[in-house]
All heavy atoms as atom14 arrays in JSON, in Angstrom:
{
  "sequence": "KGRFFIFRDYARNTMYLQMNRLKPEDTSVYYCAAQRGLIVVLTSV",
  "atom14_mask": [
    [1, 1, 1, 1, 1, 1, 1, 1, 1, 0, 0, 0, 0, 0],
    [1, 1, 1, 1, 0, 0, 0, 0, 0, 0, 0, 0, 0, 0],
    [1, 1, 1, 1, 1, 1, 1, 1, 1, 1, 1, 0, 0, 0],
    [1, 1, 1, 1, 1, 1, 1, 1, 1, 1, 1, 0, 0, 0],
    [1, 1, 1, 1, 1, 1, 1, 1, 1, 1, 1, 0, 0, 0],
    [1, 1, 1, 1, 1, 1, 1, 1, 0, 0, 0, 0, 0, 0],
    [1, 1, 1, 1, 1, 1, 1, 1, 1, 1, 1, 0, 0, 0],
    [1, 1, 1, 1, 1, 1, 1, 1, 1, 1, 1, 0, 0, 0],
    [1, 1, 1, 1, 1, 1, 1, 1, 0, 0, 0, 0, 0, 0],
    [1, 1, 1, 1, 1, 1, 1, 1, 1, 1, 1, 1, 0, 0],
    [1, 1, 1, 1, 1, 0, 0, 0, 0, 0, 0, 0, 0, 0],
    [1, 1, 1, 1, 1, 1, 1, 1, 1, 1, 1, 0, 0, 0],
    [1, 1, 1, 1, 1, 1, 1, 1, 0, 0, 0, 0, 0, 0],
    [1, 1, 1, 1, 1, 1, 1, 0, 0, 0, 0, 0, 0, 0],
    [1, 1, 1, 1, 1, 1, 1, 1, 0, 0, 0, 0, 0, 0],
    [1, 1, 1, 1, 1, 1, 1, 1, 1, 1, 1, 1, 0, 0],
    [1, 1, 1, 1, 1, 1, 1, 1, 0, 0, 0, 0, 0, 0],
    [1, 1, 1, 1, 1, 1, 1, 1, 1, 0, 0, 0, 0, 0],
    [1, 1, 1, 1, 1, 1, 1, 1, 0, 0, 0, 0, 0, 0],
    [1, 1, 1, 1, 1, 1, 1, 1, 0, 0, 0, 0, 0, 0],
    [1, 1, 1, 1, 1, 1, 1, 1, 1, 1, 1, 0, 0, 0],
    [1, 1, 1, 1, 1, 1, 1, 1, 0, 0, 0, 0, 0, 0],
    [1, 1, 1, 1, 1, 1, 1, 1, 1, 0, 0, 0, 0, 0],
    [1, 1, 1, 1, 1, 1, 1, 0, 0, 0, 0, 0, 0, 0],
    [1, 1, 1, 1, 1, 1, 1, 1, 1, 0, 0, 0, 0, 0],
    [1, 1, 1, 1, 1, 1, 1, 1, 0, 0, 0, 0, 0, 0],
    [1, 1, 1, 1, 1, 1, 1, 0, 0, 0, 0, 0, 0, 0],
    [1, 1, 1, 1, 1, 1, 0, 0, 0, 0, 0, 0, 0, 0],
    [1, 1, 1, 1, 1, 1, 1, 0, 0, 0, 0, 0, 0, 0],
    [1, 1, 1, 1, 1, 1, 1, 1, 1, 1, 1, 1, 0, 0],
    [1, 1, 1, 1, 1, 1, 1, 1, 1, 1, 1, 1, 0, 0],
    [1, 1, 1, 1, 1, 1, 0, 0, 0, 0, 0, 0, 0, 0],
    [1, 1, 1, 1, 1, 0, 0, 0, 0, 0, 0, 0, 0, 0],
    [1, 1, 1, 1, 1, 0, 0, 0, 0, 0, 0, 0, 0, 0],
    [1, 1, 1, 1, 1, 1, 1, 1, 1, 0, 0, 0, 0, 0],
    [1, 1, 1, 1, 1, 1, 1, 1, 1, 1, 1, 0, 0, 0],
    [1, 1, 1, 1, 0, 0, 0, 0, 0, 0, 0, 0, 0, 0],
    [1, 1, 1, 1, 1, 1, 1, 1, 0, 0, 0, 0, 0, 0],
    [1, 1, 1, 1, 1, 1, 1, 1, 0, 0, 0, 0, 0, 0],
    [1, 1, 1, 1, 1, 1, 1, 0, 0, 0, 0, 0, 0, 0],
    [1, 1, 1, 1, 1, 1, 1, 0, 0, 0, 0, 0, 0, 0],
    [1, 1, 1, 1, 1, 1, 1, 1, 0, 0, 0, 0, 0, 0],
    [1, 1, 1, 1, 1, 1, 1, 0, 0, 0, 0, 0, 0, 0],
    [1, 1, 1, 1, 1, 1, 0, 0, 0, 0, 0, 0, 0, 0],
    [1, 1, 1, 1, 1, 1, 1, 0, 0, 0, 0, 0, 0, 0]
  ],
  "atom14_positions": [
    [[318.74, -40.32, 174.99], [318.83, -39.43, 173.83], [318.98, -40.25, 172.55], [319.81, -41.14, 172.45], [320.0, -38.47, 174.01], [319.97, -37.25, 173.11], [321.05, -36.24, 173.51], [320.83, -35.71, 174.92], [321.87, -34.72, 175.32], [0.0, 0.0, 0.0], [0.0, 0.0, 0.0], [0.0, 0.0, 0.0], [0.0, 0.0, 0.0], [0.0, 0.0, 0.0]],
    [[318.15, -39.92, 171.57], [318.15, -40.64, 170.3], [317.23, -41.84, 170.27], [316.96, -42.38, 169.19], [0.0, 0.0, 0.0], [0.0, 0.0, 0.0], [0.0, 0.0, 0.0], [0.0, 0.0, 0.0], [0.0, 0.0, 0.0], [0.0, 0.0, 0.0], [0.0, 0.0, 0.0], [0.0, 0.0, 0.0], [0.0, 0.0, 0.0], [0.0, 0.0, 0.0]],
    [[316.74, -42.29, 171.43], [315.82, -43.42, 171.51], [314.43, -43.0, 171.96], [313.44, -43.54, 171.48], [316.35, -44.48, 172.47], [317.67, -45.1, 172.05], [317.99, -46.31, 172.94], [318.14, -45.93, 174.34], [317.43, -46.46, 175.34], [316.52, -47.38, 175.09], [317.65, -46.06, 176.59], [0.0, 0.0, 0.0], [0.0, 0.0, 0.0], [0.0, 0.0, 0.0]],
    [[314.36, -42.07, 172.9], [313.09, -41.6, 173.45], [312.77, -40.22, 172.91], [313.67, -39.39, 172.73], [313.14, -41.52, 174.97], [313.21, -42.84, 175.69], [313.47, -44.03, 175.02], [313.03, -42.88, 177.06], [313.54, -45.23, 175.69], [313.09, -44.08, 177.75], [313.35, -45.26, 177.07], [0.0, 0.0, 0.0], [0.0, 0.0, 0.0], [0.0, 0.0, 0.0]],
    [[311.48, -39.96, 172.69], [311.05, -38.67, 172.18], [309.79, -38.22, 172.9], [308.87, -39.01, 173.11], [310.8, -38.74, 170.67], [311.98, -39.18, 169.89], [312.18, -40.52, 169.6], [312.92, -38.26, 169.44], [313.29, -40.95, 168.89], [314.03, -38.66, 168.73], [314.22, -40.01, 168.45], [0.0, 0.0, 0.0], [0.0, 0.0, 0.0], [0.0, 0.0, 0.0]],
    [[309.75, -36.94, 173.28], [308.6, -36.35, 173.93], [307.88, -35.43, 172.96], [308.52, -34.63, 172.28], [309.01, -35.57, 175.2], [309.57, -36.53, 176.25], [307.84, -34.78, 175.76], [310.19, -35.83, 177.44], [0.0, 0.0, 0.0], [0.0, 0.0, 0.0], [0.0, 0.0, 0.0], [0.0, 0.0, 0.0], [0.0, 0.0, 0.0], [0.0, 0.0, 0.0]],
    [[306.57, -35.54, 172.9], [305.77, -34.6, 172.14], [304.43, -34.41, 172.85], [304.11, -35.14, 173.78], [305.59, -35.03, 170.68], [304.92, -36.36, 170.49], [303.57, -36.44, 170.21], [305.64, -37.54, 170.57], [302.95, -37.66, 170.0], [305.04, -38.77, 170.38], [303.68, -38.82, 170.1], [0.0, 0.0, 0.0], [0.0, 0.0, 0.0], [0.0, 0.0, 0.0]],
    [[303.68, -33.42, 172.43], [302.43, -33.1, 173.1], [301.32, -32.85, 172.1], [301.56, -32.44, 170.97], [302.6, -31.86, 173.99], [302.6, -30.52, 173.23], [303.47, -29.51, 173.91], [303.23, -28.14, 173.44], [303.68, -27.64, 172.3], [304.37, -28.41, 171.45], [303.45, -26.37, 171.99], [0.0, 0.0, 0.0], [0.0, 0.0, 0.0], [0.0, 0.0, 0.0]],
    [[300.1, -33.11, 172.53], [298.89, -32.66, 171.86], [298.4, -31.48, 172.68], [297.75, -31.65, 173.71], [297.85, -33.78, 171.8], [296.63, -33.4, 170.99], [296.32, -32.2, 170.89], [295.97, -34.32, 170.46], [0.0, 0.0, 0.0], [0.0, 0.0, 0.0], [0.0, 0.0, 0.0], [0.0, 0.0, 0.0], [0.0, 0.0, 0.0], [0.0, 0.0, 0.0]],
    [[298.74, -30.29, 172.23], [298.48, -29.09, 173.0], [296.99, -28.91, 173.29], [296.6, -28.57, 174.41], [299.03, -27.87, 172.25], [298.95, -26.57, 173.0], [299.98, -26.19, 173.87], [297.87, -25.71, 172.85], [299.92, -25.0, 174.56], [297.8, -24.52, 173.54], [298.83, -24.17, 174.39], [298.77, -22.98, 175.08], [0.0, 0.0, 0.0], [0.0, 0.0, 0.0]],
    [[296.14, -29.15, 172.3], [294.71, -28.94, 172.45], [294.08, -29.9, 173.44], [293.07, -29.58, 174.07], [294.01, -29.04, 171.1], [0.0, 0.0, 0.0], [0.0, 0.0, 0.0], [0.0, 0.0, 0.0], [0.0, 0.0, 0.0], [0.0, 0.0, 0.0], [0.0, 0.0, 0.0], [0.0, 0.0, 0.0], [0.0, 0.0, 0.0], [0.0, 0.0, 0.0]],
    [[294.65, -31.09, 173.6], [294.09, -32.1, 174.48], [294.83, -32.21, 175.81], [294.52, -33.08, 176.63], [294.08, -33.46, 173.79], [293.3, -33.47, 172.48], [293.25, -34.85, 171.88], [292.32, -35.71, 172.58], [291.03, -35.82, 172.3], [290.51, -35.13, 171.28], [290.26, -36.63, 172.99], [0.0, 0.0, 0.0], [0.0, 0.0, 0.0], [0.0, 0.0, 0.0]],
    [[295.8, -31.32, 176.04], [296.57, -31.33, 177.29], [297.17, -32.71, 177.58], [297.11, -33.2, 178.72], [295.69, -30.89, 178.47], [295.98, -29.47, 178.92], [296.57, -28.67, 178.19], [295.57, -29.15, 180.13], [0.0, 0.0, 0.0], [0.0, 0.0, 0.0], [0.0, 0.0, 0.0], [0.0, 0.0, 0.0], [0.0, 0.0, 0.0], [0.0, 0.0, 0.0]],
    [[297.75, -33.3, 176.56], [298.32, -34.64, 176.69], [299.77, -34.64, 176.23], [300.08, -34.11, 175.16], [297.5, -35.66, 175.88], [296.15, -35.65, 176.33], [298.07, -37.05, 176.06], [0.0, 0.0, 0.0], [0.0, 0.0, 0.0], [0.0, 0.0, 0.0], [0.0, 0.0, 0.0], [0.0, 0.0, 0.0], [0.0, 0.0, 0.0], [0.0, 0.0, 0.0]],
    [[300.63, -35.23, 177.04], [302.04, -35.39, 176.71], [302.33, -36.86, 176.47], [301.78, -37.73, 177.15], [302.91, -34.87, 177.86], [304.4, -35.06, 177.65], [305.42, -34.34, 178.98], [304.92, -35.33, 180.39], [0.0, 0.0, 0.0], [0.0, 0.0, 0.0], [0.0, 0.0, 0.0], [0.0, 0.0, 0.0], [0.0, 0.0, 0.0], [0.0, 0.0, 0.0]],
    [[303.23, -37.13, 175.54], [303.58, -38.5, 175.18], [305.08, -38.73, 175.33], [305.89, -37.83, 175.16], [303.18, -38.81, 173.74], [301.72, -38.62, 173.45], [301.23, -37.4, 172.98], [300.81, -39.64, 173.66], [299.89, -37.21, 172.72], [299.46, -39.47, 173.41], [299.0, -38.25, 172.94], [297.67, -38.07, 172.69], [0.0, 0.0, 0.0], [0.0, 0.0, 0.0]],
    [[305.42, -39.96, 175.64], [306.8, -40.41, 175.63], [306.89, -41.61, 174.69], [306.39, -42.69, 175.02], [307.28, -40.8, 177.03], [308.71, -41.32, 177.12], [309.72, -40.23, 176.74], [309.01, -41.84, 178.52], [0.0, 0.0, 0.0], [0.0, 0.0, 0.0], [0.0, 0.0, 0.0], [0.0, 0.0, 0.0], [0.0, 0.0, 0.0], [0.0, 0.0, 0.0]],
    [[307.49, -41.4, 173.53], [307.71, -42.48, 172.58], [309.06, -43.11, 172.88], [310.09, -42.44, 172.81], [307.68, -41.95, 171.14], [307.96, -43.01, 170.08], [306.87, -44.05, 170.02], [305.69, -43.72, 170.03], [307.27, -45.32, 169.96], [0.0, 0.0, 0.0], [0.0, 0.0, 0.0], [0.0, 0.0, 0.0], [0.0, 0.0, 0.0], [0.0, 0.0, 0.0]],
    [[309.06, -44.39, 173.22], [310.26, -45.11, 173.61], [310.58, -46.14, 172.54], [309.78, -47.03, 172.26], [310.08, -45.78, 174.97], [309.71, -44.81, 176.08], [309.57, -45.63, 177.7], [308.11, -46.63, 177.41], [0.0, 0.0, 0.0], [0.0, 0.0, 0.0], [0.0, 0.0, 0.0], [0.0, 0.0, 0.0], [0.0, 0.0, 0.0], [0.0, 0.0, 0.0]],
    [[311.77, -46.04, 171.95], [312.22, -46.95, 170.9], [313.5, -47.65, 171.32], [314.24, -47.17, 172.18], [312.46, -46.19, 169.6], [311.24, -45.46, 169.09], [310.13, -46.01, 169.11], [311.43, -44.23, 168.63], [0.0, 0.0, 0.0], [0.0, 0.0, 0.0], [0.0, 0.0, 0.0], [0.0, 0.0, 0.0], [0.0, 0.0, 0.0], [0.0, 0.0, 0.0]],
    [[313.77, -48.79, 170.7], [314.97, -49.59, 170.97], [315.17, -49.78, 172.47], [316.24, -49.52, 173.02], [316.2, -48.95, 170.32], [316.01, -48.65, 168.83], [317.31, -48.49, 168.08], [318.23, -47.58, 168.71], [318.2, -46.26, 168.59], [317.26, -45.68, 167.86], [319.11, -45.52, 169.2], [0.0, 0.0, 0.0], [0.0, 0.0, 0.0], [0.0, 0.0, 0.0]],
    [[314.11, -50.24, 173.1], [314.11, -50.39, 174.55], [315.13, -51.43, 175.01], [315.38, -52.43, 174.33], [312.72, -50.77, 175.04], [311.73, -49.6, 175.1], [310.3, -50.1, 175.11], [312.0, -48.75, 176.33], [0.0, 0.0, 0.0], [0.0, 0.0, 0.0], [0.0, 0.0, 0.0], [0.0, 0.0, 0.0], [0.0, 0.0, 0.0], [0.0, 0.0, 0.0]],
    [[315.71, -51.16, 176.18], [316.71, -52.02, 176.79], [316.21, -52.49, 178.15], [315.39, -51.82, 178.77], [318.03, -51.26, 176.98], [318.59, -50.63, 175.72], [319.8, -49.77, 176.04], [320.35, -49.11, 174.81], [321.52, -48.25, 175.13], [0.0, 0.0, 0.0], [0.0, 0.0, 0.0], [0.0, 0.0, 0.0], [0.0, 0.0, 0.0], [0.0, 0.0, 0.0]],
    [[316.69, -53.64, 178.63], [316.27, -54.1, 179.96], [316.5, -53.05, 181.05], [315.71, -52.96, 181.99], [317.14, -55.34, 180.19], [317.37, -55.87, 178.82], [317.52, -54.66, 177.95], [0.0, 0.0, 0.0], [0.0, 0.0, 0.0], [0.0, 0.0, 0.0], [0.0, 0.0, 0.0], [0.0, 0.0, 0.0], [0.0, 0.0, 0.0], [0.0, 0.0, 0.0]],
    [[317.55, -52.25, 180.94], [317.82, -51.22, 181.94], [316.83, -50.06, 181.9], [316.86, -49.2, 182.78], [319.26, -50.69, 181.82], [319.64, -50.24, 180.42], [320.41, -51.3, 179.65], [320.01, -52.48, 179.7], [321.42, -50.95, 179.0], [0.0, 0.0, 0.0], [0.0, 0.0, 0.0], [0.0, 0.0, 0.0], [0.0, 0.0, 0.0], [0.0, 0.0, 0.0]],
    [[315.95, -50.02, 180.9], [314.88, -49.04, 180.88], [313.71, -49.44, 181.77], [312.79, -48.63, 181.97], [314.36, -48.83, 179.45], [315.39, -48.21, 178.53], [316.11, -47.29, 178.97], [315.46, -48.63, 177.36], [0.0, 0.0, 0.0], [0.0, 0.0, 0.0], [0.0, 0.0, 0.0], [0.0, 0.0, 0.0], [0.0, 0.0, 0.0], [0.0, 0.0, 0.0]],
    [[313.72, -50.66, 182.28], [312.65, -51.12, 183.16], [312.53, -50.21, 184.38], [313.48, -50.06, 185.14], [312.91, -52.57, 183.61], [312.85, -53.44, 182.47], [311.86, -53.02, 184.62], [0.0, 0.0, 0.0], [0.0, 0.0, 0.0], [0.0, 0.0, 0.0], [0.0, 0.0, 0.0], [0.0, 0.0, 0.0], [0.0, 0.0, 0.0], [0.0, 0.0, 0.0]],
    [[311.37, -49.6, 184.54], [311.14, -48.62, 185.6], [309.66, -48.32, 185.7], [308.89, -48.61, 184.77], [311.87, -47.3, 185.32], [313.28, -47.43, 185.35], [0.0, 0.0, 0.0], [0.0, 0.0, 0.0], [0.0, 0.0, 0.0], [0.0, 0.0, 0.0], [0.0, 0.0, 0.0], [0.0, 0.0, 0.0], [0.0, 0.0, 0.0], [0.0, 0.0, 0.0]],
    [[309.28, -47.7, 186.8], [308.01, -47.0, 186.85], [308.25, -45.61, 186.28], [309.17, -44.9, 186.72], [307.46, -46.9, 188.28], [306.18, -46.07, 188.31], [307.19, -48.3, 188.82], [0.0, 0.0, 0.0], [0.0, 0.0, 0.0], [0.0, 0.0, 0.0], [0.0, 0.0, 0.0], [0.0, 0.0, 0.0], [0.0, 0.0, 0.0], [0.0, 0.0, 0.0]],
    [[307.46, -45.22, 185.31], [307.6, -43.93, 184.65], [306.55, -42.97, 185.18], [305.36, -43.3, 185.21], [307.49, -44.08, 183.13], [308.74, -44.66, 182.52], [309.03, -46.02, 182.66], [309.63, -43.86, 181.82], [310.19, -46.55, 182.12], [310.78, -44.39, 181.27], [311.07, -45.73, 181.42], [312.22, -46.26, 180.88], [0.0, 0.0, 0.0], [0.0, 0.0, 0.0]],
    [[307.0, -41.78, 185.57], [306.13, -40.77, 186.18], [306.06, -39.51, 185.33], [307.07, -39.03, 184.82], [306.66, -40.37, 187.56], [306.68, -41.49, 188.58], [307.8, -42.3, 188.71], [305.59, -41.71, 189.39], [307.83, -43.31, 189.65], [305.61, -42.73, 190.33], [306.74, -43.52, 190.46], [306.77, -44.52, 191.39], [0.0, 0.0, 0.0], [0.0, 0.0, 0.0]],
    [[304.88, -38.97, 185.22], [304.66, -37.67, 184.62], [304.77, -36.6, 185.69], [304.33, -36.81, 186.83], [303.28, -37.64, 183.97], [302.84, -36.11, 183.14], [0.0, 0.0, 0.0], [0.0, 0.0, 0.0], [0.0, 0.0, 0.0], [0.0, 0.0, 0.0], [0.0, 0.0, 0.0], [0.0, 0.0, 0.0], [0.0, 0.0, 0.0], [0.0, 0.0, 0.0]],
    [[305.37, -35.45, 185.36], [305.55, -34.38, 186.32], [305.37, -33.03, 185.65], [305.59, -32.89, 184.45], [306.95, -34.47, 186.95], [0.0, 0.0, 0.0], [0.0, 0.0, 0.0], [0.0, 0.0, 0.0], [0.0, 0.0, 0.0], [0.0, 0.0, 0.0], [0.0, 0.0, 0.0], [0.0, 0.0, 0.0], [0.0, 0.0, 0.0], [0.0, 0.0, 0.0]],
    [[305.0, -32.03, 186.45], [304.84, -30.66, 185.95], [305.41, -29.68, 186.97], [305.21, -29.84, 188.17], [303.37, -30.34, 185.69], [0.0, 0.0, 0.0], [0.0, 0.0, 0.0], [0.0, 0.0, 0.0], [0.0, 0.0, 0.0], [0.0, 0.0, 0.0], [0.0, 0.0, 0.0], [0.0, 0.0, 0.0], [0.0, 0.0, 0.0], [0.0, 0.0, 0.0]],
    [[306.11, -28.67, 186.47], [306.7, -27.65, 187.33], [306.58, -26.29, 186.67], [306.89, -26.15, 185.48], [308.17, -27.97, 187.61], [308.84, -27.01, 188.57], [310.25, -27.44, 188.92], [310.54, -28.64, 188.98], [311.11, -26.48, 189.18], [0.0, 0.0, 0.0], [0.0, 0.0, 0.0], [0.0, 0.0, 0.0], [0.0, 0.0, 0.0], [0.0, 0.0, 0.0]],
    [[306.15, -25.31, 187.44], [306.06, -23.95, 186.92], [307.45, -23.42, 186.64], [308.35, -23.54, 187.47], [305.33, -23.06, 187.92], [305.08, -21.65, 187.41], [304.31, -20.85, 188.43], [304.05, -19.49, 187.97], [303.43, -18.57, 188.68], [302.97, -18.86, 189.89], [303.25, -17.36, 188.17], [0.0, 0.0, 0.0], [0.0, 0.0, 0.0], [0.0, 0.0, 0.0]],
    [[307.63, -22.86, 185.46], [308.91, -22.3, 185.08], [309.5, -23.02, 183.88], [308.82, -23.76, 183.16], [0.0, 0.0, 0.0], [0.0, 0.0, 0.0], [0.0, 0.0, 0.0], [0.0, 0.0, 0.0], [0.0, 0.0, 0.0], [0.0, 0.0, 0.0], [0.0, 0.0, 0.0], [0.0, 0.0, 0.0], [0.0, 0.0, 0.0], [0.0, 0.0, 0.0]],
    [[310.8, -22.81, 183.67], [311.48, -23.31, 182.48], [312.14, -24.66, 182.66], [312.49, -25.3, 181.67], [312.54, -22.3, 182.03], [312.03, -20.9, 181.66], [313.2, -20.01, 181.27], [311.01, -20.98, 180.53], [0.0, 0.0, 0.0], [0.0, 0.0, 0.0], [0.0, 0.0, 0.0], [0.0, 0.0, 0.0], [0.0, 0.0, 0.0], [0.0, 0.0, 0.0]],
    [[312.33, -25.09, 183.9], [313.03, -26.34, 184.17], [312.23, -27.2, 185.13], [311.32, -26.73, 185.81], [314.44, -26.1, 184.74], [314.36, -25.36, 186.07], [315.31, -25.36, 183.74], [315.67, -25.29, 186.82], [0.0, 0.0, 0.0], [0.0, 0.0, 0.0], [0.0, 0.0, 0.0], [0.0, 0.0, 0.0], [0.0, 0.0, 0.0], [0.0, 0.0, 0.0]],
    [[312.59, -28.49, 185.18], [311.99, -29.43, 186.12], [313.11, -30.14, 186.87], [314.0, -30.71, 186.24], [311.1, -30.46, 185.41], [310.48, -31.42, 186.42], [310.03, -29.77, 184.59], [0.0, 0.0, 0.0], [0.0, 0.0, 0.0], [0.0, 0.0, 0.0], [0.0, 0.0, 0.0], [0.0, 0.0, 0.0], [0.0, 0.0, 0.0], [0.0, 0.0, 0.0]],
    [[313.06, -30.11, 188.19], [314.0, -30.84, 189.02], [313.21, -31.63, 190.06], [312.15, -31.21, 190.5], [315.03, -29.93, 189.71], [315.91, -29.24, 188.66], [314.35, -28.88, 190.57], [0.0, 0.0, 0.0], [0.0, 0.0, 0.0], [0.0, 0.0, 0.0], [0.0, 0.0, 0.0], [0.0, 0.0, 0.0], [0.0, 0.0, 0.0], [0.0, 0.0, 0.0]],
    [[313.76, -32.76, 190.47], [313.07, -33.69, 191.36], [312.48, -33.02, 192.6], [311.34, -33.29, 192.96], [314.03, -34.79, 191.8], [313.81, -36.2, 191.25], [314.9, -37.13, 191.77], [312.44, -36.71, 191.63], [0.0, 0.0, 0.0], [0.0, 0.0, 0.0], [0.0, 0.0, 0.0], [0.0, 0.0, 0.0], [0.0, 0.0, 0.0], [0.0, 0.0, 0.0]],
    [[313.26, -32.17, 193.24], [312.86, -31.61, 194.52], [311.89, -30.45, 194.41], [311.39, -29.97, 195.43], [314.09, -31.16, 195.32], [314.86, -30.23, 194.54], [314.97, -32.35, 195.66], [0.0, 0.0, 0.0], [0.0, 0.0, 0.0], [0.0, 0.0, 0.0], [0.0, 0.0, 0.0], [0.0, 0.0, 0.0], [0.0, 0.0, 0.0], [0.0, 0.0, 0.0]],
    [[311.61, -29.98, 193.19], [310.76, -28.81, 193.01], [309.53, -29.07, 192.16], [308.85, -28.13, 191.76], [311.57, -27.67, 192.4], [312.65, -27.29, 193.23], [0.0, 0.0, 0.0], [0.0, 0.0, 0.0], [0.0, 0.0, 0.0], [0.0, 0.0, 0.0], [0.0, 0.0, 0.0], [0.0, 0.0, 0.0], [0.0, 0.0, 0.0], [0.0, 0.0, 0.0]],
    [[309.22, -30.32, 191.89], [308.06, -30.66, 191.07], [306.78, -30.24, 191.77], [306.6, -30.5, 192.97], [308.04, -32.16, 190.76], [306.69, -32.58, 190.17], [309.16, -32.52, 189.79], [0.0, 0.0, 0.0], [0.0, 0.0, 0.0], [0.0, 0.0, 0.0], [0.0, 0.0, 0.0], [0.0, 0.0, 0.0], [0.0, 0.0, 0.0], [0.0, 0.0, 0.0]]
  ]
}
């Protein structure tokens, strides 16, 4: 929170993750996910 920001290009069906002030602990494989409804949880993607 305060470092990463999500936004979308609605017309192009593209989502972005802007990552700022990156830290070594941010090192990861980053995955995009979609879930029908209002929330997203690991087991229901």
